[in-house]
C-alpha cells in the first residue's frame, strides 16, 4: 500500500489574518489598536452596533463623572493624589474638570436673574456718561474675569510651590492641585449661584462667606493629604498661599478695572 505523504504545513497567516487599523494602518490583534489606541469597530455599523457603542460611551463617561466629582468634593486633595499615583484613566482630566465647573459657575451667574441692581445705576446724581461708563466697565470686566482667574491658576500653583520650597517636587504637581482646587471652589460657588435671584442678598452673601471659609478648610485639608506636614505647618502654608493669592487677584483686578475705565472714557 502506497503511503500517503503529508502535505506542506499551512502558514498561520492563511488560517488567521491580522486586521489593519483604519486610523493608523498598523496591524491589530484584538479590539484595540496598540499603536494609536482606537477601538476597532465595523466600518458599516448596524443599529445594534450604534446603540451598543452609544450606551457604552454614556455609561463609561457617566461613571467617570460621578467618580471624579465624589473625589473632588468629598475628599480634598485625593483626586490630585490619585493623579500623582498614576491613576488617571478612571477620572476626568484636571484641565477639563476646571473648565467644566468654571464655565458652569459663570453661566449660572449670567443666567440667574438678579433683582438687585447696582447702586451706581440707581444714583440719580450720576450723569448719563458716568452711567454708561460704569456699565461698559462692569460688563467688560465680567467677560474678562473668567480669563483673569484662569491665568492666575498657575500663579496659585507657584505660590504653593514656594510654600513647599523645602520639598523636592516638580511644579506640575502643584499645578494639578491648583486646577483641582479651583474646580472644587467653582463647583461650590455654582451651587449657591441661584440664590442671587432672591430679593434680599443676605442669604447670598452669607452662603458665599461660608463657601470662602470652606474653601480655606478645603485648601488646608488638600495640602495635608497631598504634600503632608503637621497641622500647624499646613495651616501656615495654607494661610500664606491664600493671602498671597488674594493680594495678587486684588491687585490684578484693580489694574484691569483702571485700564477698562480709561478705555471706556476715551471711547
C-alpha atoms as a PDB file:
ATOM      1  CA  UNK A   1       0.000   0.000   0.000  1.00  0.00           C
ATOM      2  CA  UNK A   2       1.332   3.328  -1.010  1.00  0.00           C
ATOM      3  CA  UNK A   3       1.973   5.637   1.878  1.00  0.00           C
ATOM      4  CA  UNK A   4       0.226   8.990   1.965  1.00  0.00           C
ATOM      5  CA  UNK A   5       2.687  11.781   2.248  1.00  0.00           C
ATOM      6  CA  UNK A   6       1.625  14.689   4.409  1.00  0.00           C
ATOM      7  CA  UNK A   7       1.183  17.951   2.565  1.00  0.00           C
ATOM      8  CA  UNK A   8       3.185  21.083   3.329  1.00  0.00           C
ATOM      9  CA  UNK A   9       2.289  22.793   6.599  1.00  0.00           C
ATOM     10  CA  UNK A  10      -0.139  25.673   6.243  1.00  0.00           C
ATOM     11  CA  UNK A  11       1.118  29.074   7.309  1.00  0.00           C
ATOM     12  CA  UNK A  12      -0.519  30.720  10.262  1.00  0.00           C
ATOM     13  CA  UNK A  13      -1.304  33.747   8.126  1.00  0.00           C
ATOM     14  CA  UNK A  14      -3.636  31.694   5.924  1.00  0.00           C
ATOM     15  CA  UNK A  15      -5.657  30.474   8.897  1.00  0.00           C
ATOM     16  CA  UNK A  16      -5.889  33.713  10.841  1.00  0.00           C
ATOM     17  CA  UNK A  17      -5.367  37.079   9.184  1.00  0.00           C
ATOM     18  CA  UNK A  18      -4.213  40.082  11.134  1.00  0.00           C
ATOM     19  CA  UNK A  19      -6.512  43.098  10.738  1.00  0.00           C
ATOM     20  CA  UNK A  20      -5.310  46.561   9.867  1.00  0.00           C
ATOM     21  CA  UNK A  21      -6.243  49.645  11.867  1.00  0.00           C
ATOM     22  CA  UNK A  22      -8.199  52.029   9.605  1.00  0.00           C
ATOM     23  CA  UNK A  23      -6.837  55.015  11.543  1.00  0.00           C
ATOM     24  CA  UNK A  24      -3.055  54.428  11.534  1.00  0.00           C
ATOM     25  CA  UNK A  25      -2.842  51.274   9.321  1.00  0.00           C
ATOM     26  CA  UNK A  26      -0.902  49.348  11.933  1.00  0.00           C
ATOM     27  CA  UNK A  27      -1.546  45.613  12.339  1.00  0.00           C
ATOM     28  CA  UNK A  28      -4.174  44.937  15.001  1.00  0.00           C
ATOM     29  CA  UNK A  29      -4.936  41.841  17.036  1.00  0.00           C
ATOM     30  CA  UNK A  30      -7.872  42.354  19.343  1.00  0.00           C
ATOM     31  CA  UNK A  31     -10.475  45.089  19.803  1.00  0.00           C
ATOM     32  CA  UNK A  32      -7.972  47.936  20.370  1.00  0.00           C
ATOM     33  CA  UNK A  33      -5.066  49.238  18.294  1.00  0.00           C
ATOM     34  CA  UNK A  34      -1.861  49.087  20.316  1.00  0.00           C
ATOM     35  CA  UNK A  35      -0.360  51.929  18.270  1.00  0.00           C
ATOM     36  CA  UNK A  36      -2.996  54.686  18.257  1.00  0.00           C
ATOM     37  CA  UNK A  37      -5.465  53.275  20.812  1.00  0.00           C
ATOM     38  CA  UNK A  38      -8.517  53.391  18.562  1.00  0.00           C
ATOM     39  CA  UNK A  39     -11.235  50.823  19.136  1.00  0.00           C
ATOM     40  CA  UNK A  40     -11.837  48.595  16.161  1.00  0.00           C
ATOM     41  CA  UNK A  41     -15.458  48.732  15.063  1.00  0.00           C
ATOM     42  CA  UNK A  42     -17.454  47.857  11.978  1.00  0.00           C
ATOM     43  CA  UNK A  43     -16.927  50.223   9.058  1.00  0.00           C
ATOM     44  CA  UNK A  44     -20.578  49.772   8.111  1.00  0.00           C
ATOM     45  CA  UNK A  45     -22.252  49.737  11.557  1.00  0.00           C
ATOM     46  CA  UNK A  46     -25.647  48.243  12.167  1.00  0.00           C
ATOM     47  CA  UNK A  47     -28.281  49.669  14.511  1.00  0.00           C
ATOM     48  CA  UNK A  48     -27.097  47.199  17.130  1.00  0.00           C
ATOM     49  CA  UNK A  49     -23.506  48.478  16.795  1.00  0.00           C
ATOM     50  CA  UNK A  50     -24.646  52.091  17.076  1.00  0.00           C
ATOM     51  CA  UNK A  51     -26.808  51.539  20.169  1.00  0.00           C
ATOM     52  CA  UNK A  52     -24.204  49.372  21.864  1.00  0.00           C
ATOM     53  CA  UNK A  53     -21.391  51.891  21.329  1.00  0.00           C
ATOM     54  CA  UNK A  54     -23.555  54.849  22.410  1.00  0.00           C
ATOM     55  CA  UNK A  55     -24.687  53.073  25.583  1.00  0.00           C
ATOM     56  CA  UNK A  56     -21.138  52.009  26.396  1.00  0.00           C
ATOM     57  CA  UNK A  57     -19.736  55.519  25.955  1.00  0.00           C
ATOM     58  CA  UNK A  58     -22.516  57.076  28.046  1.00  0.00           C
ATOM     59  CA  UNK A  59     -22.131  54.623  30.915  1.00  0.00           C
ATOM     60  CA  UNK A  60     -18.346  54.932  30.798  1.00  0.00           C
ATOM     61  CA  UNK A  61     -18.416  58.757  30.839  1.00  0.00           C
ATOM     62  CA  UNK A  62     -21.189  58.834  33.427  1.00  0.00           C
ATOM     63  CA  UNK A  63     -19.151  56.626  35.719  1.00  0.00           C
ATOM     64  CA  UNK A  64     -16.132  58.891  35.271  1.00  0.00           C
ATOM     65  CA  UNK A  65     -18.162  61.987  36.136  1.00  0.00           C
ATOM     66  CA  UNK A  66     -19.563  60.628  39.392  1.00  0.00           C
ATOM     67  CA  UNK A  67     -16.278  59.037  40.418  1.00  0.00           C
ATOM     68  CA  UNK A  68     -14.366  62.254  39.772  1.00  0.00           C
ATOM     69  CA  UNK A  69     -16.953  64.521  41.427  1.00  0.00           C
ATOM     70  CA  UNK A  70     -17.063  62.350  44.542  1.00  0.00           C
ATOM     71  CA  UNK A  71     -13.289  62.513  44.932  1.00  0.00           C
ATOM     72  CA  UNK A  72     -13.181  66.216  44.142  1.00  0.00           C
ATOM     73  CA  UNK A  73     -15.862  67.458  46.531  1.00  0.00           C
ATOM     74  CA  UNK A  74     -15.834  64.915  49.343  1.00  0.00           C
ATOM     75  CA  UNK A  75     -12.134  64.083  49.642  1.00  0.00           C
ATOM     76  CA  UNK A  76      -9.995  67.250  49.414  1.00  0.00           C
ATOM     77  CA  UNK A  77      -6.710  66.561  47.670  1.00  0.00           C
ATOM     78  CA  UNK A  78      -7.443  62.896  46.976  1.00  0.00           C
ATOM     79  CA  UNK A  79      -8.033  63.469  43.259  1.00  0.00           C
ATOM     80  CA  UNK A  80      -4.625  65.144  42.973  1.00  0.00           C
ATOM     81  CA  UNK A  81      -3.081  62.325  44.983  1.00  0.00           C
ATOM     82  CA  UNK A  82      -4.634  59.789  42.606  1.00  0.00           C
ATOM     83  CA  UNK A  83      -3.177  61.631  39.619  1.00  0.00           C
ATOM     84  CA  UNK A  84       0.252  61.684  41.222  1.00  0.00           C
ATOM     85  CA  UNK A  85      -0.037  57.933  41.866  1.00  0.00           C
ATOM     86  CA  UNK A  86      -0.582  57.490  38.128  1.00  0.00           C
ATOM     87  CA  UNK A  87      -4.258  56.506  38.462  1.00  0.00           C
ATOM     88  CA  UNK A  88      -5.682  58.841  35.802  1.00  0.00           C
ATOM     89  CA  UNK A  89      -7.644  56.776  33.287  1.00  0.00           C
ATOM     90  CA  UNK A  90     -10.712  56.465  35.518  1.00  0.00           C
ATOM     91  CA  UNK A  91     -11.004  60.223  36.182  1.00  0.00           C
ATOM     92  CA  UNK A  92     -11.699  63.331  34.140  1.00  0.00           C
ATOM     93  CA  UNK A  93      -8.587  65.359  33.337  1.00  0.00           C
ATOM     94  CA  UNK A  94      -7.684  68.245  35.638  1.00  0.00           C
ATOM     95  CA  UNK A  95      -7.885  70.974  32.980  1.00  0.00           C
ATOM     96  CA  UNK A  96     -11.194  69.703  31.625  1.00  0.00           C
ATOM     97  CA  UNK A  97     -12.559  69.500  35.158  1.00  0.00           C
ATOM     98  CA  UNK A  98     -11.571  73.097  35.883  1.00  0.00           C
ATOM     99  CA  UNK A  99     -13.082  74.383  32.639  1.00  0.00           C
ATOM    100  CA  UNK A 100     -16.319  72.471  33.260  1.00  0.00           C
ATOM    101  CA  UNK A 101     -17.030  73.893  36.707  1.00  0.00           C
ATOM    102  CA  UNK A 102     -15.743  77.394  35.975  1.00  0.00           C
ATOM    103  CA  UNK A 103     -17.926  77.671  32.877  1.00  0.00           C
ATOM    104  CA  UNK A 104     -20.870  76.259  34.838  1.00  0.00           C
ATOM    105  CA  UNK A 105     -20.441  78.927  37.529  1.00  0.00           C
ATOM    106  CA  UNK A 106     -20.121  81.865  35.145  1.00  0.00           C
ATOM    107  CA  UNK A 107     -23.033  80.653  33.007  1.00  0.00           C
ATOM    108  CA  UNK A 108     -25.282  80.299  36.049  1.00  0.00           C
ATOM    109  CA  UNK A 109     -24.229  83.739  37.279  1.00  0.00           C
ATOM    110  CA  UNK A 110     -25.154  85.232  33.911  1.00  0.00           C
ATOM    111  CA  UNK A 111     -28.451  83.354  33.513  1.00  0.00           C
ATOM    112  CA  UNK A 112     -29.920  83.621  37.019  1.00  0.00           C
ATOM    113  CA  UNK A 113     -31.856  86.909  37.255  1.00  0.00           C
ATOM    114  CA  UNK A 114     -30.603  89.433  39.764  1.00  0.00           C
ATOM    115  CA  UNK A 115     -33.345  91.709  41.171  1.00  0.00           C
ATOM    116  CA  UNK A 116     -30.764  93.846  42.991  1.00  0.00           C
ATOM    117  CA  UNK A 117     -29.361  96.384  40.520  1.00  0.00           C
ATOM    118  CA  UNK A 118     -26.073  98.091  41.171  1.00  0.00           C
ATOM    119  CA  UNK A 119     -26.263 101.129  43.402  1.00  0.00           C
ATOM    120  CA  UNK A 120     -24.294 103.123  40.857  1.00  0.00           C
ATOM    121  CA  UNK A 121     -27.045 102.713  38.286  1.00  0.00           C
ATOM    122  CA  UNK A 122     -29.649 103.939  40.774  1.00  0.00           C
ATOM    123  CA  UNK A 123     -27.646 107.019  41.695  1.00  0.00           C
ATOM    124  CA  UNK A 124     -29.722 109.874  40.299  1.00  0.00           C
ATOM    125  CA  UNK A 125     -26.853 112.323  40.637  1.00  0.00           C
ATOM    126  CA  UNK A 126     -24.715 110.396  38.171  1.00  0.00           C
ATOM    127  CA  UNK A 127     -24.576 111.703  34.632  1.00  0.00           C
ATOM    128  CA  UNK A 128     -25.561 109.657  31.600  1.00  0.00           C
ATOM    129  CA  UNK A 129     -21.901 109.465  30.584  1.00  0.00           C
ATOM    130  CA  UNK A 130     -20.875 108.161  34.000  1.00  0.00           C
ATOM    131  CA  UNK A 131     -23.639 105.552  33.975  1.00  0.00           C
ATOM    132  CA  UNK A 132     -22.662 104.396  30.502  1.00  0.00           C
ATOM    133  CA  UNK A 133     -19.001 104.217  31.500  1.00  0.00           C
ATOM    134  CA  UNK A 134     -19.781 102.221  34.641  1.00  0.00           C
ATOM    135  CA  UNK A 135     -21.969  99.840  32.659  1.00  0.00           C
ATOM    136  CA  UNK A 136     -19.326  99.256  29.992  1.00  0.00           C
ATOM    137  CA  UNK A 137     -16.634  98.670  32.607  1.00  0.00           C
ATOM    138  CA  UNK A 138     -18.827  96.250  34.578  1.00  0.00           C
ATOM    139  CA  UNK A 139     -19.900  94.239  31.533  1.00  0.00           C
ATOM    140  CA  UNK A 140     -16.390  94.099  30.118  1.00  0.00           C
ATOM    141  CA  UNK A 141     -14.857  93.103  33.447  1.00  0.00           C
ATOM    142  CA  UNK A 142     -17.410  90.302  33.821  1.00  0.00           C
ATOM    143  CA  UNK A 143     -16.247  88.964  30.463  1.00  0.00           C
ATOM    144  CA  UNK A 144     -12.576  89.353  31.355  1.00  0.00           C
ATOM    145  CA  UNK A 145     -12.854  87.859  34.863  1.00  0.00           C
ATOM    146  CA  UNK A 146     -13.009  84.162  33.801  1.00  0.00           C
ATOM    147  CA  UNK A 147      -9.855  84.627  31.703  1.00  0.00           C
ATOM    148  CA  UNK A 148      -8.168  86.511  34.538  1.00  0.00           C
ATOM    149  CA  UNK A 149      -8.903  83.796  37.084  1.00  0.00           C
ATOM    150  CA  UNK A 150      -7.696  81.121  34.647  1.00  0.00           C
ATOM    151  CA  UNK A 151      -4.431  82.999  34.078  1.00  0.00           C
ATOM    152  CA  UNK A 152      -3.889  83.198  37.844  1.00  0.00           C
ATOM    153  CA  UNK A 153      -4.311  79.433  38.355  1.00  0.00           C
ATOM    154  CA  UNK A 154      -0.601  78.856  37.532  1.00  0.00           C
ATOM    155  CA  UNK A 155       0.255  81.732  39.905  1.00  0.00           C
ATOM    156  CA  UNK A 156      -1.623  79.918  42.677  1.00  0.00           C
ATOM    157  CA  UNK A 157       0.423  76.805  41.851  1.00  0.00           C
ATOM    158  CA  UNK A 158       3.622  78.861  42.057  1.00  0.00           C
ATOM    159  CA  UNK A 159       2.614  80.158  45.492  1.00  0.00           C
ATOM    160  CA  UNK A 160       2.023  76.558  46.569  1.00  0.00           C
ATOM    161  CA  UNK A 161       5.474  75.568  45.356  1.00  0.00           C
ATOM    162  CA  UNK A 162       7.062  78.498  47.192  1.00  0.00           C
ATOM    163  CA  UNK A 163       5.218  77.472  50.365  1.00  0.00           C
ATOM    164  CA  UNK A 164       6.737  73.985  49.989  1.00  0.00           C
ATOM    165  CA  UNK A 165      10.226  75.129  48.963  1.00  0.00           C
ATOM    166  CA  UNK A 166      11.808  72.519  51.200  1.00  0.00           C
ATOM    167  CA  UNK A 167      10.207  69.668  49.250  1.00  0.00           C
ATOM    168  CA  UNK A 168      11.747  68.447  46.020  1.00  0.00           C
ATOM    169  CA  UNK A 169       8.621  68.389  43.913  1.00  0.00           C
ATOM    170  CA  UNK A 170       8.179  69.430  40.312  1.00  0.00           C
ATOM    171  CA  UNK A 171       5.939  72.407  39.521  1.00  0.00           C
ATOM    172  CA  UNK A 172       3.309  70.338  37.575  1.00  0.00           C
ATOM    173  CA  UNK A 173       2.346  68.586  40.829  1.00  0.00           C
ATOM    174  CA  UNK A 174       1.278  71.921  42.286  1.00  0.00           C
ATOM    175  CA  UNK A 175      -0.441  72.865  39.033  1.00  0.00           C
ATOM    176  CA  UNK A 176      -2.556  69.705  39.213  1.00  0.00           C
ATOM    177  CA  UNK A 177      -3.513  70.623  42.764  1.00  0.00           C
ATOM    178  CA  UNK A 178      -4.326  74.205  41.729  1.00  0.00           C
ATOM    179  CA  UNK A 179      -6.616  73.065  38.910  1.00  0.00           C
ATOM    180  CA  UNK A 180      -8.445  70.633  41.184  1.00  0.00           C
ATOM    181  CA  UNK A 181      -8.762  73.195  43.968  1.00  0.00           C
ATOM    182  CA  UNK A 182     -10.201  75.882  41.704  1.00  0.00           C
ATOM    183  CA  UNK A 183     -12.565  73.366  40.100  1.00  0.00           C
ATOM    184  CA  UNK A 184     -13.928  72.468  43.537  1.00  0.00           C
ATOM    185  CA  UNK A 185     -14.321  76.130  44.560  1.00  0.00           C
ATOM    186  CA  UNK A 186     -16.162  76.963  41.344  1.00  0.00           C
ATOM    187  CA  UNK A 187     -18.367  73.925  41.898  1.00  0.00           C
ATOM    188  CA  UNK A 188     -19.294  75.097  45.392  1.00  0.00           C
ATOM    189  CA  UNK A 189     -19.986  78.636  44.172  1.00  0.00           C
ATOM    190  CA  UNK A 190     -22.143  77.232  41.358  1.00  0.00           C
ATOM    191  CA  UNK A 191     -24.346  75.567  43.983  1.00  0.00           C
ATOM    192  CA  UNK A 192     -25.126  78.917  45.640  1.00  0.00           C
ATOM    193  CA  UNK A 193     -25.355  80.978  42.427  1.00  0.00           C
ATOM    194  CA  UNK A 194     -29.181  80.566  42.177  1.00  0.00           C
ATOM    195  CA  UNK A 195     -29.510  82.476  45.470  1.00  0.00           C
ATOM    196  CA  UNK A 196     -28.782  85.709  43.622  1.00  0.00           C
ATOM    197  CA  UNK A 197     -32.365  85.565  42.333  1.00  0.00           C
ATOM    198  CA  UNK A 198     -33.687  86.329  45.831  1.00  0.00           C
ATOM    199  CA  UNK A 199     -34.907  89.820  46.620  1.00  0.00           C
ATOM    200  CA  UNK A 200     -32.595  90.036  49.609  1.00  0.00           C
ATOM    201  CA  UNK A 201     -28.888  89.483  49.108  1.00  0.00           C
ATOM    202  CA  UNK A 202     -28.352  88.481  52.744  1.00  0.00           C
ATOM    203  CA  UNK A 203     -28.598  84.743  52.065  1.00  0.00           C
ATOM    204  CA  UNK A 204     -26.328  85.010  49.030  1.00  0.00           C
ATOM    205  CA  UNK A 205     -23.647  86.911  50.938  1.00  0.00           C
ATOM    206  CA  UNK A 206     -23.896  84.548  53.910  1.00  0.00           C
ATOM    207  CA  UNK A 207     -23.530  81.434  51.768  1.00  0.00           C
ATOM    208  CA  UNK A 208     -20.673  82.962  49.776  1.00  0.00           C
ATOM    209  CA  UNK A 209     -18.885  83.710  53.044  1.00  0.00           C
ATOM    210  CA  UNK A 210     -19.410  80.085  54.084  1.00  0.00           C
ATOM    211  CA  UNK A 211     -18.025  78.903  50.739  1.00  0.00           C
ATOM    212  CA  UNK A 212     -14.920  81.057  51.182  1.00  0.00           C
ATOM    213  CA  UNK A 213     -14.382  79.752  54.709  1.00  0.00           C
ATOM    214  CA  UNK A 214     -14.949  76.215  53.494  1.00  0.00           C
ATOM    215  CA  UNK A 215     -12.503  76.819  50.628  1.00  0.00           C
ATOM    216  CA  UNK A 216      -9.763  77.609  53.126  1.00  0.00           C
ATOM    217  CA  UNK A 217     -10.534  74.442  55.071  1.00  0.00           C
ATOM    218  CA  UNK A 218     -10.583  72.515  51.792  1.00  0.00           C
ATOM    219  CA  UNK A 219      -7.198  74.009  50.869  1.00  0.00           C
ATOM    220  CA  UNK A 220      -5.635  73.063  54.200  1.00  0.00           C
ATOM    221  CA  UNK A 221      -7.059  69.532  54.078  1.00  0.00           C
ATOM    222  CA  UNK A 222      -5.881  69.093  50.493  1.00  0.00           C
ATOM    223  CA  UNK A 223      -2.365  70.304  51.280  1.00  0.00           C
ATOM    224  CA  UNK A 224      -2.223  67.932  54.231  1.00  0.00           C
ATOM    225  CA  UNK A 225      -3.298  64.945  52.135  1.00  0.00           C
ATOM    226  CA  UNK A 226      -1.134  65.605  49.083  1.00  0.00           C
ATOM    227  CA  UNK A 227       2.014  67.262  50.434  1.00  0.00           C
ATOM    228  CA  UNK A 228       1.948  66.235  54.091  1.00  0.00           C
ATOM    229  CA  UNK A 229       3.131  68.160  57.140  1.00  0.00           C
ATOM    230  CA  UNK A 230       1.950  68.737  60.689  1.00  0.00           C
ATOM    231  CA  UNK A 231      -1.275  70.639  61.327  1.00  0.00           C
ATOM    232  CA  UNK A 232       0.422  73.937  62.348  1.00  0.00           C
ATOM    233  CA  UNK A 233       2.730  73.864  59.326  1.00  0.00           C
ATOM    234  CA  UNK A 234      -0.182  73.076  57.000  1.00  0.00           C
ATOM    235  CA  UNK A 235      -2.214  75.985  58.395  1.00  0.00           C
ATOM    236  CA  UNK A 236       0.731  78.370  57.958  1.00  0.00           C
ATOM    237  CA  UNK A 237       1.264  77.229  54.378  1.00  0.00           C
ATOM    238  CA  UNK A 238      -2.449  77.418  53.532  1.00  0.00           C
ATOM    239  CA  UNK A 239      -2.684  80.903  55.067  1.00  0.00           C
ATOM    240  CA  UNK A 240       0.361  82.136  53.168  1.00  0.00           C
ATOM    241  CA  UNK A 241      -0.978  80.791  49.868  1.00  0.00           C
ATOM    242  CA  UNK A 242      -4.481  82.190  50.470  1.00  0.00           C
ATOM    243  CA  UNK A 243      -3.245  85.670  51.451  1.00  0.00           C
ATOM    244  CA  UNK A 244      -0.728  85.761  48.609  1.00  0.00           C
ATOM    245  CA  UNK A 245      -3.324  84.727  46.057  1.00  0.00           C
ATOM    246  CA  UNK A 246      -5.817  87.276  47.396  1.00  0.00           C
ATOM    247  CA  UNK A 247      -3.230  90.043  47.050  1.00  0.00           C
ATOM    248  CA  UNK A 248      -2.356  89.008  43.509  1.00  0.00           C
ATOM    249  CA  UNK A 249      -6.016  88.688  42.486  1.00  0.00           C
ATOM    250  CA  UNK A 250      -6.989  92.036  44.034  1.00  0.00           C
ATOM    251  CA  UNK A 251      -4.036  93.873  42.529  1.00  0.00           C
ATOM    252  CA  UNK A 252      -4.543  92.371  39.088  1.00  0.00           C
ATOM    253  CA  UNK A 253      -8.284  93.089  39.152  1.00  0.00           C
ATOM    254  CA  UNK A 254      -7.647  96.705  40.165  1.00  0.00           C
ATOM    255  CA  UNK A 255      -5.193  97.152  37.296  1.00  0.00           C
ATOM    256  CA  UNK A 256      -7.664  95.656  34.819  1.00  0.00           C
ATOM    257  CA  UNK A 257     -10.536  97.829  36.091  1.00  0.00           C
ATOM    258  CA  UNK A 258      -8.428 101.005  35.877  1.00  0.00           C
ATOM    259  CA  UNK A 259      -7.430 100.095  32.346  1.00  0.00           C
ATOM    260  CA  UNK A 260     -11.067  99.469  31.410  1.00  0.00           C
ATOM    261  CA  UNK A 261     -12.156 102.801  32.914  1.00  0.00           C
ATOM    262  CA  UNK A 262      -9.551 104.672  30.880  1.00  0.00           C
ATOM    263  CA  UNK A 263     -10.525 102.766  27.763  1.00  0.00           C
ATOM    264  CA  UNK A 264     -14.263 103.424  28.271  1.00  0.00           C
ATOM    265  CA  UNK A 265     -13.647 107.112  28.966  1.00  0.00           C
ATOM    266  CA  UNK A 266     -11.611 107.510  25.790  1.00  0.00           C
ATOM    267  CA  UNK A 267     -14.347 105.906  23.718  1.00  0.00           C
END
